[in-house]
C-alpha atoms as a PDB file:
ATOM      1  CA  UNK A   1      -0.015  -0.136  -0.211  1.00  0.00           C
ATOM      2  CA  UNK A   2       1.212   3.317  -0.874  1.00  0.00           C
ATOM      3  CA  UNK A   3       2.149   5.843   1.743  1.00  0.00           C
ATOM      4  CA  UNK A   4       0.221   8.853   2.470  1.00  0.00           C
ATOM      5  CA  UNK A   5       1.572  12.109   2.302  1.00  0.00           C
ATOM      6  CA  UNK A   6       0.762  15.924   2.601  1.00  0.00           C
ATOM      7  CA  UNK A   7       0.017  16.669  -1.187  1.00  0.00           C
ATOM      8  CA  UNK A   8       0.910  20.279  -1.553  1.00  0.00           C
ATOM      9  CA  UNK A   9       3.581  20.091  -4.310  1.00  0.00           C
ATOM     10  CA  UNK A  10       3.358  20.138  -8.219  1.00  0.00           C
ATOM     11  CA  UNK A  11       5.824  18.013  -9.946  1.00  0.00           C
ATOM     12  CA  UNK A  12       6.984  18.757 -13.593  1.00  0.00           C
ATOM     13  CA  UNK A  13       8.780  16.434 -15.848  1.00  0.00           C
ATOM     14  CA  UNK A  14      10.577  18.036 -18.856  1.00  0.00           C
ATOM     15  CA  UNK A  15      11.581  20.709 -16.660  1.00  0.00           C
ATOM     16  CA  UNK A  16      14.602  21.957 -18.864  1.00  0.00           C
ATOM     17  CA  UNK A  17      12.528  21.890 -22.103  1.00  0.00           C
ATOM     18  CA  UNK A  18      10.968  24.852 -23.832  1.00  0.00           C
ATOM     19  CA  UNK A  19       7.413  24.145 -22.463  1.00  0.00           C
ATOM     20  CA  UNK A  20       8.472  22.716 -18.960  1.00  0.00           C
ATOM     21  CA  UNK A  21      10.837  25.889 -18.603  1.00  0.00           C
ATOM     22  CA  UNK A  22       7.705  28.567 -19.214  1.00  0.00           C
ATOM     23  CA  UNK A  23       5.707  26.273 -17.111  1.00  0.00           C
ATOM     24  CA  UNK A  24       7.872  26.707 -14.176  1.00  0.00           C
ATOM     25  CA  UNK A  25       7.615  30.374 -14.675  1.00  0.00           C
ATOM     26  CA  UNK A  26       4.132  30.306 -14.764  1.00  0.00           C
ATOM     27  CA  UNK A  27       3.535  28.081 -11.819  1.00  0.00           C
ATOM     28  CA  UNK A  28       6.102  30.017  -9.737  1.00  0.00           C
ATOM     29  CA  UNK A  29       3.973  33.234 -10.280  1.00  0.00           C
ATOM     30  CA  UNK A  30       0.997  31.405  -8.919  1.00  0.00           C
ATOM     31  CA  UNK A  31       3.009  30.776  -5.775  1.00  0.00           C
ATOM     32  CA  UNK A  32       3.275  26.683  -6.271  1.00  0.00           C
ATOM     33  CA  UNK A  33       5.597  24.639  -4.445  1.00  0.00           C
ATOM     34  CA  UNK A  34       7.489  23.111  -7.430  1.00  0.00           C
ATOM     35  CA  UNK A  35       9.495  19.802  -8.010  1.00  0.00           C
ATOM     36  CA  UNK A  36      11.281  19.696 -11.198  1.00  0.00           C
ATOM     37  CA  UNK A  37      12.721  16.708 -12.943  1.00  0.00           C
ATOM     38  CA  UNK A  38      15.715  16.723 -15.286  1.00  0.00           C
ATOM     39  CA  UNK A  39      18.000  14.202 -16.774  1.00  0.00           C
ATOM     40  CA  UNK A  40      21.351  13.880 -14.567  1.00  0.00           C
ATOM     41  CA  UNK A  41      23.533  15.766 -17.395  1.00  0.00           C
ATOM     42  CA  UNK A  42      20.716  18.276 -18.331  1.00  0.00           C
ATOM     43  CA  UNK A  43      21.636  21.771 -17.395  1.00  0.00           C
ATOM     44  CA  UNK A  44      19.611  24.227 -15.708  1.00  0.00           C
ATOM     45  CA  UNK A  45      21.189  27.412 -16.846  1.00  0.00           C
ATOM     46  CA  UNK A  46      18.962  28.303 -19.699  1.00  0.00           C
ATOM     47  CA  UNK A  47      15.941  27.955 -17.251  1.00  0.00           C
ATOM     48  CA  UNK A  48      17.724  30.107 -14.542  1.00  0.00           C
ATOM     49  CA  UNK A  49      18.377  32.865 -17.225  1.00  0.00           C
ATOM     50  CA  UNK A  50      14.663  32.660 -18.324  1.00  0.00           C
ATOM     51  CA  UNK A  51      13.633  33.628 -14.553  1.00  0.00           C
ATOM     52  CA  UNK A  52      16.265  36.041 -14.491  1.00  0.00           C
ATOM     53  CA  UNK A  53      14.878  37.668 -17.526  1.00  0.00           C
ATOM     54  CA  UNK A  54      11.360  37.895 -15.848  1.00  0.00           C
ATOM     55  CA  UNK A  55      12.823  39.222 -12.707  1.00  0.00           C
ATOM     56  CA  UNK A  56      12.302  35.935 -10.849  1.00  0.00           C
ATOM     57  CA  UNK A  57      15.346  34.876  -9.389  1.00  0.00           C
ATOM     58  CA  UNK A  58      14.197  34.241  -6.076  1.00  0.00           C
ATOM     59  CA  UNK A  59      11.579  31.984  -7.432  1.00  0.00           C
ATOM     60  CA  UNK A  60      13.953  29.927  -9.233  1.00  0.00           C
ATOM     61  CA  UNK A  61      15.979  29.186  -5.882  1.00  0.00           C
ATOM     62  CA  UNK A  62      12.664  27.945  -4.323  1.00  0.00           C
ATOM     63  CA  UNK A  63      12.457  25.110  -7.298  1.00  0.00           C
ATOM     64  CA  UNK A  64      13.457  21.569  -5.915  1.00  0.00           C
ATOM     65  CA  UNK A  65      15.421  20.001  -8.620  1.00  0.00           C
ATOM     66  CA  UNK A  66      15.562  16.208  -8.988  1.00  0.00           C
ATOM     67  CA  UNK A  67      17.844  14.123 -11.510  1.00  0.00           C
ATOM     68  CA  UNK A  68      15.588  11.097 -12.820  1.00  0.00           C
ATOM     69  CA  UNK A  69      15.084   9.112 -15.765  1.00  0.00           C
ATOM     70  CA  UNK A  70      11.457   8.318 -16.865  1.00  0.00           C
ATOM     71  CA  UNK A  71      12.636   4.668 -17.846  1.00  0.00           C
ATOM     72  CA  UNK A  72      13.860   4.243 -14.300  1.00  0.00           C
ATOM     73  CA  UNK A  73      10.906   2.609 -12.473  1.00  0.00           C
ATOM     74  CA  UNK A  74      12.778   2.669  -9.178  1.00  0.00           C
ATOM     75  CA  UNK A  75      12.938   6.277  -8.364  1.00  0.00           C
ATOM     76  CA  UNK A  76       9.167   7.295  -8.250  1.00  0.00           C
ATOM     77  CA  UNK A  77       8.235   6.673  -4.828  1.00  0.00           C
ATOM     78  CA  UNK A  78      10.900   9.350  -3.676  1.00  0.00           C
ATOM     79  CA  UNK A  79      10.080  12.009  -6.746  1.00  0.00           C
ATOM     80  CA  UNK A  80       6.162  11.819  -6.037  1.00  0.00           C
ATOM     81  CA  UNK A  81       6.385  12.464  -2.312  1.00  0.00           C
ATOM     82  CA  UNK A  82       4.011  15.175  -1.203  1.00  0.00           C
ATOM     83  CA  UNK A  83       2.927  15.886  -4.689  1.00  0.00           C
ATOM     84  CA  UNK A  84      -0.631  16.904  -5.820  1.00  0.00           C
ATOM     85  CA  UNK A  85      -0.257  17.501  -9.481  1.00  0.00           C
ATOM     86  CA  UNK A  86       1.894  16.125 -12.346  1.00  0.00           C
ATOM     87  CA  UNK A  87       2.497  18.242 -15.116  1.00  0.00           C
ATOM     88  CA  UNK A  88       3.803  15.659 -18.011  1.00  0.00           C
ATOM     89  CA  UNK A  89       5.879  17.900 -20.468  1.00  0.00           C
ATOM     90  CA  UNK A  90       8.700  15.508 -21.004  1.00  0.00           C
ATOM     91  CA  UNK A  91       8.906  14.154 -24.466  1.00  0.00           C
ATOM     92  CA  UNK A  92      11.323  13.244 -27.296  1.00  0.00           C
ATOM     93  CA  UNK A  93      10.567  15.232 -30.414  1.00  0.00           C
ATOM     94  CA  UNK A  94      12.012  14.235 -33.835  1.00  0.00           C
ATOM     95  CA  UNK A  95      10.880  13.627 -37.106  1.00  0.00           C
ATOM     96  CA  UNK A  96      13.555  11.344 -38.077  1.00  0.00           C
ATOM     97  CA  UNK A  97      12.672   7.811 -38.852  1.00  0.00           C
ATOM     98  CA  UNK A  98      15.986   6.606 -37.303  1.00  0.00           C
ATOM     99  CA  UNK A  99      14.486   8.069 -34.001  1.00  0.00           C
ATOM    100  CA  UNK A 100      11.557   5.873 -33.738  1.00  0.00           C
ATOM    101  CA  UNK A 101      12.984   3.563 -30.996  1.00  0.00           C
ATOM    102  CA  UNK A 102      13.890   6.744 -28.863  1.00  0.00           C
ATOM    103  CA  UNK A 103      10.344   8.123 -29.398  1.00  0.00           C
ATOM    104  CA  UNK A 104       8.774   5.027 -28.294  1.00  0.00           C
ATOM    105  CA  UNK A 105      10.950   4.459 -25.186  1.00  0.00           C
ATOM    106  CA  UNK A 106      10.731   8.335 -23.806  1.00  0.00           C
ATOM    107  CA  UNK A 107       7.267   9.279 -24.803  1.00  0.00           C
ATOM    108  CA  UNK A 108       5.418   5.554 -24.613  1.00  0.00           C
ATOM    109  CA  UNK A 109       7.271   3.655 -22.168  1.00  0.00           C
ATOM    110  CA  UNK A 110       8.134   6.833 -19.935  1.00  0.00           C
ATOM    111  CA  UNK A 111       4.761   7.938 -19.946  1.00  0.00           C
ATOM    112  CA  UNK A 112       3.262   4.440 -19.221  1.00  0.00           C
ATOM    113  CA  UNK A 113       5.980   4.237 -16.224  1.00  0.00           C
ATOM    114  CA  UNK A 114       4.590   7.608 -14.749  1.00  0.00           C
ATOM    115  CA  UNK A 115       1.064   6.701 -15.121  1.00  0.00           C
ATOM    116  CA  UNK A 116       1.781   3.698 -13.088  1.00  0.00           C
ATOM    117  CA  UNK A 117       3.725   5.307 -10.581  1.00  0.00           C
ATOM    118  CA  UNK A 118       0.939   8.224  -9.843  1.00  0.00           C
ATOM    119  CA  UNK A 119      -1.561   5.461  -9.428  1.00  0.00           C
ATOM    120  CA  UNK A 120       0.676   3.466  -6.942  1.00  0.00           C
ATOM    121  CA  UNK A 121       1.325   6.492  -5.154  1.00  0.00           C
ATOM    122  CA  UNK A 122      -2.084   8.052  -5.178  1.00  0.00           C
ATOM    123  CA  UNK A 123      -1.142  11.216  -6.856  1.00  0.00           C
ATOM    124  CA  UNK A 124      -4.757  12.747  -7.249  1.00  0.00           C
ATOM    125  CA  UNK A 125      -4.200  14.866 -10.830  1.00  0.00           C
ATOM    126  CA  UNK A 126      -2.194  14.457 -14.012  1.00  0.00           C
ATOM    127  CA  UNK A 127      -1.726  16.948 -16.772  1.00  0.00           C
ATOM    128  CA  UNK A 128      -0.309  15.754 -20.129  1.00  0.00           C
ATOM    129  CA  UNK A 129       1.038  17.703 -23.019  1.00  0.00           C
ATOM    130  CA  UNK A 130      -0.336  15.854 -25.915  1.00  0.00           C
ATOM    131  CA  UNK A 131       0.115  16.732 -29.797  1.00  0.00           C
ATOM    132  CA  UNK A 132      -2.064  18.271 -32.704  1.00  0.00           C
ATOM    133  CA  UNK A 133      -0.288  15.480 -34.526  1.00  0.00           C
ATOM    134  CA  UNK A 134      -2.719  12.903 -33.314  1.00  0.00           C
ATOM    135  CA  UNK A 135      -6.117  14.886 -34.302  1.00  0.00           C
ATOM    136  CA  UNK A 136      -7.103  14.038 -37.723  1.00  0.00           C
ATOM    137  CA  UNK A 137      -9.808  15.803 -39.734  1.00  0.00           C
ATOM    138  CA  UNK A 138     -12.488  13.449 -40.695  1.00  0.00           C
ATOM    139  CA  UNK A 139     -13.955  13.364 -44.117  1.00  0.00           C
ATOM    140  CA  UNK A 140     -17.017  15.621 -43.446  1.00  0.00           C
ATOM    141  CA  UNK A 141     -14.916  17.920 -41.166  1.00  0.00           C
ATOM    142  CA  UNK A 142     -13.983  21.308 -41.852  1.00  0.00           C
ATOM    143  CA  UNK A 143     -11.970  21.980 -38.636  1.00  0.00           C
ATOM    144  CA  UNK A 144     -10.237  20.047 -36.137  1.00  0.00           C
ATOM    145  CA  UNK A 145     -11.297  20.028 -32.724  1.00  0.00           C
ATOM    146  CA  UNK A 146     -10.841  18.057 -29.404  1.00  0.00           C
ATOM    147  CA  UNK A 147     -13.157  15.350 -30.540  1.00  0.00           C
ATOM    148  CA  UNK A 148     -11.374  14.692 -33.946  1.00  0.00           C
ATOM    149  CA  UNK A 149     -10.337  10.839 -33.943  1.00  0.00           C
ATOM    150  CA  UNK A 150      -6.905   9.406 -34.786  1.00  0.00           C
ATOM    151  CA  UNK A 151      -7.506   8.099 -38.263  1.00  0.00           C
ATOM    152  CA  UNK A 152      -5.271   4.725 -38.430  1.00  0.00           C
ATOM    153  CA  UNK A 153      -5.599   5.036 -42.507  1.00  0.00           C
ATOM    154  CA  UNK A 154      -3.618   8.014 -42.574  1.00  0.00           C
ATOM    155  CA  UNK A 155       0.460   7.676 -42.644  1.00  0.00           C
ATOM    156  CA  UNK A 156       1.539   9.467 -39.439  1.00  0.00           C
ATOM    157  CA  UNK A 157       4.899  10.166 -38.480  1.00  0.00           C
ATOM    158  CA  UNK A 158       6.989   8.074 -35.743  1.00  0.00           C
ATOM    159  CA  UNK A 159       6.615  11.059 -33.292  1.00  0.00           C
ATOM    160  CA  UNK A 160       2.730  11.507 -33.816  1.00  0.00           C
ATOM    161  CA  UNK A 161       2.460   7.582 -33.423  1.00  0.00           C
ATOM    162  CA  UNK A 162       4.371   7.590 -30.064  1.00  0.00           C
ATOM    163  CA  UNK A 163       2.332  10.656 -28.671  1.00  0.00           C
ATOM    164  CA  UNK A 164      -1.005   8.747 -29.714  1.00  0.00           C
ATOM    165  CA  UNK A 165       0.282   5.712 -27.616  1.00  0.00           C
ATOM    166  CA  UNK A 166       1.328   7.712 -24.789  1.00  0.00           C
ATOM    167  CA  UNK A 167      -1.972   9.569 -24.642  1.00  0.00           C
ATOM    168  CA  UNK A 168      -3.620   6.387 -24.385  1.00  0.00           C
ATOM    169  CA  UNK A 169      -1.448   5.422 -21.470  1.00  0.00           C
ATOM    170  CA  UNK A 170      -2.810   8.759 -19.853  1.00  0.00           C
ATOM    171  CA  UNK A 171      -6.445   8.274 -20.465  1.00  0.00           C
ATOM    172  CA  UNK A 172      -6.003   4.767 -19.221  1.00  0.00           C
ATOM    173  CA  UNK A 173      -4.661   5.948 -16.074  1.00  0.00           C
ATOM    174  CA  UNK A 174      -8.102   8.207 -15.920  1.00  0.00           C
ATOM    175  CA  UNK A 175     -10.046   4.910 -15.931  1.00  0.00           C
ATOM    176  CA  UNK A 176      -7.755   3.739 -12.673  1.00  0.00           C
ATOM    177  CA  UNK A 177      -8.712   6.797 -10.807  1.00  0.00           C
ATOM    178  CA  UNK A 178      -6.462   9.589 -12.036  1.00  0.00           C
ATOM    179  CA  UNK A 179      -7.862  12.978 -12.523  1.00  0.00           C
ATOM    180  CA  UNK A 180      -6.502  13.668 -15.931  1.00  0.00           C
ATOM    181  CA  UNK A 181      -6.552  16.840 -18.404  1.00  0.00           C
ATOM    182  CA  UNK A 182      -4.760  16.763 -21.680  1.00  0.00           C
ATOM    183  CA  UNK A 183      -3.928  19.851 -23.867  1.00  0.00           C
ATOM    184  CA  UNK A 184      -3.308  19.951 -27.638  1.00  0.00           C
ATOM    185  CA  UNK A 185      -0.804  22.804 -28.341  1.00  0.00           C
ATOM    186  CA  UNK A 186      -0.339  23.857 -32.046  1.00  0.00           C
ATOM    187  CA  UNK A 187       2.829  24.646 -33.403  1.00  0.00           C
ATOM    188  CA  UNK A 188       4.697  26.204 -30.594  1.00  0.00           C
ATOM    189  CA  UNK A 189       6.581  29.441 -30.994  1.00  0.00           C
ATOM    190  CA  UNK A 190       9.369  29.791 -28.084  1.00  0.00           C
ATOM    191  CA  UNK A 191      12.926  30.402 -27.209  1.00  0.00           C
ATOM    192  CA  UNK A 192      15.141  28.834 -24.602  1.00  0.00           C
ATOM    193  CA  UNK A 193      18.729  28.080 -25.674  1.00  0.00           C
ATOM    194  CA  UNK A 194      18.384  28.180 -29.498  1.00  0.00           C
ATOM    195  CA  UNK A 195      18.680  24.529 -29.752  1.00  0.00           C
ATOM    196  CA  UNK A 196      15.136  23.123 -29.309  1.00  0.00           C
ATOM    197  CA  UNK A 197      13.092  21.680 -32.054  1.00  0.00           C
ATOM    198  CA  UNK A 198      10.552  24.515 -31.527  1.00  0.00           C
ATOM    199  CA  UNK A 199      13.251  26.821 -32.411  1.00  0.00           C
ATOM    200  CA  UNK A 200      14.015  25.527 -35.621  1.00  0.00           C
ATOM    201  CA  UNK A 201      12.068  28.075 -37.329  1.00  0.00           C
ATOM    202  CA  UNK A 202      14.524  30.796 -36.263  1.00  0.00           C
ATOM    203  CA  UNK A 203      17.404  28.710 -37.272  1.00  0.00           C
ATOM    204  CA  UNK A 204      15.886  28.465 -40.779  1.00  0.00           C
ATOM    205  CA  UNK A 205      14.788  32.098 -40.928  1.00  0.00           C
ATOM    206  CA  UNK A 206      18.385  33.185 -40.099  1.00  0.00           C
ATOM    207  CA  UNK A 207      20.015  31.481 -43.399  1.00  0.00           C
ATOM    208  CA  UNK A 208      21.074  33.766 -46.144  1.00  0.00           C
ATOM    209  CA  UNK A 209      18.582  32.531 -48.515  1.00  0.00           C
ATOM    210  CA  UNK A 210      15.412  30.636 -47.580  1.00  0.00           C
ATOM    211  CA  UNK A 211      12.128  29.202 -49.107  1.00  0.00           C
ATOM    212  CA  UNK A 212       8.966  28.492 -47.636  1.00  0.00           C
ATOM    213  CA  UNK A 213       5.589  26.746 -48.259  1.00  0.00           C
ATOM    214  CA  UNK A 214       2.305  27.875 -48.595  1.00  0.00           C
ATOM    215  CA  UNK A 215       1.114  25.025 -46.336  1.00  0.00           C
ATOM    216  CA  UNK A 216      -1.045  26.446 -43.479  1.00  0.00           C
ATOM    217  CA  UNK A 217      -1.106  25.442 -39.749  1.00  0.00           C
ATOM    218  CA  UNK A 218      -1.769  26.699 -36.146  1.00  0.00           C
ATOM    219  CA  UNK A 219       0.488  28.705 -34.046  1.00  0.00           C
ATOM    220  CA  UNK A 220       0.725  29.561 -30.408  1.00  0.00           C
ATOM    221  CA  UNK A 221       2.897  31.457 -28.008  1.00  0.00           C
ATOM    222  CA  UNK A 222       5.000  29.129 -25.381  1.00  0.00           C
ATOM    223  CA  UNK A 223       3.699  31.320 -22.683  1.00  0.00           C
ATOM    224  CA  UNK A 224       0.129  30.949 -23.689  1.00  0.00           C
ATOM    225  CA  UNK A 225       0.571  27.263 -23.481  1.00  0.00           C
ATOM    226  CA  UNK A 226       1.844  27.735 -19.901  1.00  0.00           C
ATOM    227  CA  UNK A 227      -0.904  30.288 -18.905  1.00  0.00           C
ATOM    228  CA  UNK A 228      -3.888  28.631 -20.374  1.00  0.00           C
ATOM    229  CA  UNK A 229      -2.475  24.760 -19.029  1.00  0.00           C
ATOM    230  CA  UNK A 230      -2.486  26.256 -15.355  1.00  0.00           C
ATOM    231  CA  UNK A 231      -5.845  28.024 -15.704  1.00  0.00           C
ATOM    232  CA  UNK A 232      -7.707  24.920 -16.647  1.00  0.00           C
ATOM    233  CA  UNK A 233      -6.042  23.050 -13.792  1.00  0.00           C
ATOM    234  CA  UNK A 234      -7.066  25.884 -11.541  1.00  0.00           C
ATOM    235  CA  UNK A 235     -10.605  25.752 -13.107  1.00  0.00           C
ATOM    236  CA  UNK A 236     -10.669  21.831 -12.323  1.00  0.00           C
ATOM    237  CA  UNK A 237     -11.215  20.524 -15.918  1.00  0.00           C
ATOM    238  CA  UNK A 238     -10.320  16.896 -15.417  1.00  0.00           C
ATOM    239  CA  UNK A 239     -11.323  14.189 -17.762  1.00  0.00           C
ATOM    240  CA  UNK A 240     -11.068  16.989 -20.606  1.00  0.00           C
ATOM    241  CA  UNK A 241      -9.079  17.654 -23.672  1.00  0.00           C
ATOM    242  CA  UNK A 242      -8.353  21.574 -24.711  1.00  0.00           C
ATOM    243  CA  UNK A 243      -7.069  22.233 -28.088  1.00  0.00           C
ATOM    244  CA  UNK A 244      -4.781  25.395 -27.369  1.00  0.00           C
ATOM    245  CA  UNK A 245      -4.282  27.418 -30.798  1.00  0.00           C
ATOM    246  CA  UNK A 246      -3.688  31.396 -31.191  1.00  0.00           C
ATOM    247  CA  UNK A 247      -3.838  31.993 -35.219  1.00  0.00           C
ATOM    248  CA  UNK A 248      -3.318  30.238 -38.502  1.00  0.00           C
ATOM    249  CA  UNK A 249      -0.532  31.151 -41.007  1.00  0.00           C
ATOM    250  CA  UNK A 250       1.265  29.504 -43.719  1.00  0.00           C
ATOM    251  CA  UNK A 251       4.704  28.605 -43.071  1.00  0.00           C
ATOM    252  CA  UNK A 252       6.133  31.143 -45.817  1.00  0.00           C
ATOM    253  CA  UNK A 253       4.243  33.839 -43.964  1.00  0.00           C
ATOM    254  CA  UNK A 254       6.174  32.817 -40.425  1.00  0.00           C
ATOM    255  CA  UNK A 255       9.761  33.019 -42.436  1.00  0.00           C
ATOM    256  CA  UNK A 256       8.513  36.192 -43.843  1.00  0.00           C
ATOM    257  CA  UNK A 257       7.508  37.931 -40.376  1.00  0.00           C
ATOM    258  CA  UNK A 258      10.966  36.930 -38.898  1.00  0.00           C
ATOM    259  CA  UNK A 259      13.353  37.683 -41.668  1.00  0.00           C
ATOM    260  CA  UNK A 260      11.522  41.188 -41.757  1.00  0.00           C
ATOM    261  CA  UNK A 261      12.042  41.919 -38.243  1.00  0.00           C
ATOM    262  CA  UNK A 262      15.764  40.905 -38.730  1.00  0.00           C
ATOM    263  CA  UNK A 263      16.163  43.097 -41.868  1.00  0.00           C
ATOM    264  CA  UNK A 264      16.814  39.932 -43.881  1.00  0.00           C
ATOM    265  CA  UNK A 265      15.613  39.553 -47.607  1.00  0.00           C
ATOM    266  CA  UNK A 266      12.139  38.026 -48.330  1.00  0.00           C
ATOM    267  CA  UNK A 267      11.905  34.313 -48.288  1.00  0.00           C
ATOM    268  CA  UNK A 268      10.792  32.756 -51.480  1.00  0.00           C
ATOM    269  CA  UNK A 269       7.637  30.771 -52.313  1.00  0.00           C
ATOM    270  CA  UNK A 270       8.154  26.871 -52.567  1.00  0.00           C
ATOM    271  CA  UNK A 271       5.582  25.398 -54.635  1.00  0.00           C
ATOM    272  CA  UNK A 272       3.901  22.126 -53.783  1.00  0.00           C
ATOM    273  CA  UNK A 273       5.346  20.868 -57.382  1.00  0.00           C
ATOM    274  CA  UNK A 274       8.668  21.628 -56.414  1.00  0.00           C
ATOM    275  CA  UNK A 275       8.688  20.061 -52.963  1.00  0.00           C
ATOM    276  CA  UNK A 276       7.211  17.107 -54.457  1.00  0.00           C
ATOM    277  CA  UNK A 277      10.408  16.708 -56.540  1.00  0.00           C
ATOM    278  CA  UNK A 278      12.411  17.485 -53.377  1.00  0.00           C
ATOM    279  CA  UNK A 279      10.515  14.676 -51.529  1.00  0.00           C
ATOM    280  CA  UNK A 280      11.317  12.130 -54.535  1.00  0.00           C
ATOM    281  CA  UNK A 281      15.072  13.033 -54.545  1.00  0.00           C
ATOM    282  CA  UNK A 282      15.179  12.872 -50.805  1.00  0.00           C
ATOM    283  CA  UNK A 283      13.734   9.370 -50.919  1.00  0.00           C
ATOM    284  CA  UNK A 284      16.751   8.415 -52.854  1.00  0.00           C
ATOM    285  CA  UNK A 285      19.091  10.150 -50.857  1.00  0.00           C
ATOM    286  CA  UNK A 286      18.105   8.470 -47.586  1.00  0.00           C
ATOM    287  CA  UNK A 287      20.018   5.318 -48.713  1.00  0.00           C
ATOM    288  CA  UNK A 288      23.100   7.572 -48.843  1.00  0.00           C
ATOM    289  CA  UNK A 289      22.423   8.731 -45.386  1.00  0.00           C
ATOM    290  CA  UNK A 290      20.572  12.183 -46.624  1.00  0.00           C
ATOM    291  CA  UNK A 291      17.945  13.895 -44.730  1.00  0.00           C
ATOM    292  CA  UNK A 292      14.522  12.318 -45.877  1.00  0.00           C
ATOM    293  CA  UNK A 293      11.221  14.432 -46.528  1.00  0.00           C
ATOM    294  CA  UNK A 294       8.470  11.798 -45.600  1.00  0.00           C
ATOM    295  CA  UNK A 295       5.023  11.710 -47.057  1.00  0.00           C
ATOM    296  CA  UNK A 296       3.748  12.865 -43.625  1.00  0.00           C
ATOM    297  CA  UNK A 297       5.935  15.868 -43.718  1.00  0.00           C
ATOM    298  CA  UNK A 298       5.369  16.625 -47.112  1.00  0.00           C
ATOM    299  CA  UNK A 299       1.812  16.840 -46.656  1.00  0.00           C
ATOM    300  CA  UNK A 300       2.119  18.746 -43.330  1.00  0.00           C
ATOM    301  CA  UNK A 301       4.213  21.337 -45.229  1.00  0.00           C
ATOM    302  CA  UNK A 302       1.537  21.317 -48.087  1.00  0.00           C
ATOM    303  CA  UNK A 303      -1.890  21.150 -46.712  1.00  0.00           C
ATOM    304  CA  UNK A 304      -3.815  23.405 -44.912  1.00  0.00           C
ATOM    305  CA  UNK A 305      -5.130  22.553 -41.555  1.00  0.00           C
ATOM    306  CA  UNK A 306      -7.635  24.604 -39.514  1.00  0.00           C
ATOM    307  CA  UNK A 307      -7.930  24.201 -35.448  1.00  0.00           C
ATOM    308  CA  UNK A 308     -10.831  25.470 -33.439  1.00  0.00           C
ATOM    309  CA  UNK A 309     -10.690  26.623 -29.829  1.00  0.00           C
ATOM    310  CA  UNK A 310     -14.246  26.963 -29.459  1.00  0.00           C
ATOM    311  CA  UNK A 311     -14.206  24.876 -26.253  1.00  0.00           C
ATOM    312  CA  UNK A 312     -11.555  26.716 -24.665  1.00  0.00           C
ATOM    313  CA  UNK A 313     -13.277  29.478 -25.110  1.00  0.00           C
ATOM    314  CA  UNK A 314     -16.263  28.479 -23.337  1.00  0.00           C
ATOM    315  CA  UNK A 315     -14.429  28.321 -20.288  1.00  0.00           C
ATOM    316  CA  UNK A 316     -11.215  30.650 -20.715  1.00  0.00           C
ATOM    317  CA  UNK A 317     -11.586  33.870 -22.157  1.00  0.00           C
ATOM    318  CA  UNK A 318      -8.169  34.741 -22.830  1.00  0.00           C
ATOM    319  CA  UNK A 319      -6.335  37.143 -25.385  1.00  0.00           C
ATOM    320  CA  UNK A 320      -3.551  34.946 -26.930  1.00  0.00           C
ATOM    321  CA  UNK A 321      -0.283  36.847 -28.125  1.00  0.00           C
ATOM    322  CA  UNK A 322      -0.585  37.556 -31.755  1.00  0.00           C
ATOM    323  CA  UNK A 323       1.827  35.575 -33.870  1.00  0.00           C
ATOM    324  CA  UNK A 324       3.604  38.795 -34.858  1.00  0.00           C
ATOM    325  CA  UNK A 325       4.137  39.444 -30.938  1.00  0.00           C
ATOM    326  CA  UNK A 326       5.270  35.947 -30.516  1.00  0.00           C
ATOM    327  CA  UNK A 327       7.893  35.865 -33.252  1.00  0.00           C
ATOM    328  CA  UNK A 328       9.225  39.543 -32.358  1.00  0.00           C
ATOM    329  CA  UNK A 329       9.509  38.331 -28.801  1.00  0.00           C
ATOM    330  CA  UNK A 330      11.117  34.956 -29.145  1.00  0.00           C
ATOM    331  CA  UNK A 331      13.133  36.231 -32.118  1.00  0.00           C
ATOM    332  CA  UNK A 332      14.800  38.771 -30.336  1.00  0.00           C
ATOM    333  CA  UNK A 333      15.825  36.368 -27.539  1.00  0.00           C
ATOM    334  CA  UNK A 334      16.895  33.938 -30.181  1.00  0.00           C
ATOM    335  CA  UNK A 335      19.033  36.544 -31.720  1.00  0.00           C
ATOM    336  CA  UNK A 336      20.465  37.497 -28.341  1.00  0.00           C
ATOM    337  CA  UNK A 337      21.525  33.922 -27.542  1.00  0.00           C
ATOM    338  CA  UNK A 338      23.207  33.667 -30.555  1.00  0.00           C
ATOM    339  CA  UNK A 339      25.460  36.774 -30.280  1.00  0.00           C
ATOM    340  CA  UNK A 340      26.018  35.492 -26.545  1.00  0.00           C
ATOM    341  CA  UNK A 341      27.430  32.187 -27.765  1.00  0.00           C
ATOM    342  CA  UNK A 342      29.710  33.738 -30.536  1.00  0.00           C
END
């Protein structure tokens, strides 16, 4: 039988990641007592600098950091002692087929271990950061919402498959007594150390010449992701899923905004036909170890996907940062980090 503790802490996995870092800031602002999980060799310096920029250095010092691995099932009793709410932000992010095993281990097995530990330790609440990659538009649907089902007939990336299986573990936990909340952020605009997958848009935009596609998707500032998630927990929206999205833009438009802010020449438009040829060439080049543009990635870069936040708006009237504001704020941070590293 699990021991009973005074439940007064929140526990954040992936705390040195992009979402996890900004979530720490948001939870600290709310006066939460925080235990943050990181891998043994992960540095907290980027998180510390983020807190300094928000004039919250004292709050950073109050965070209890714990070194752990999602795959190590022996550490959970100690990690979850006194915890009331788990925010599961840890995830491997990659669109390379070679990362399939890592994605499964971290996203699926790691989440399964966490859910099992939460049940065993009588943790009341679990918040999971899902992915819009698991929401598919049906044949008669004009937009995607929280009820959009996974379509097994569609070709999905290994990342999407791993997030889908991880989410299923979370909902399994809800059937075994956990209070569960799932959020589905659209493409996150953020800045941390310049090396994250979500910061790739700035690395691309910084090239001397750049091309963008006309495919459209949803975008949201990482600060809005953290705020909305914390608010939904405050409102007690358990056994629910919420799509988080601020606006829709094409990939080309996003690149144009960043490059204009940085005084660079405009990005050029890459047609669907041109991208199709690139995909064919990459299919040949993958046998030589070159990067591969998968069918799923091609469809993402050329399609137009629309998300609705109608459900969120019913409970949480919130003014999101505009995409222009998000790109300006995080683009400036990215450039400053780049200068500091030179």
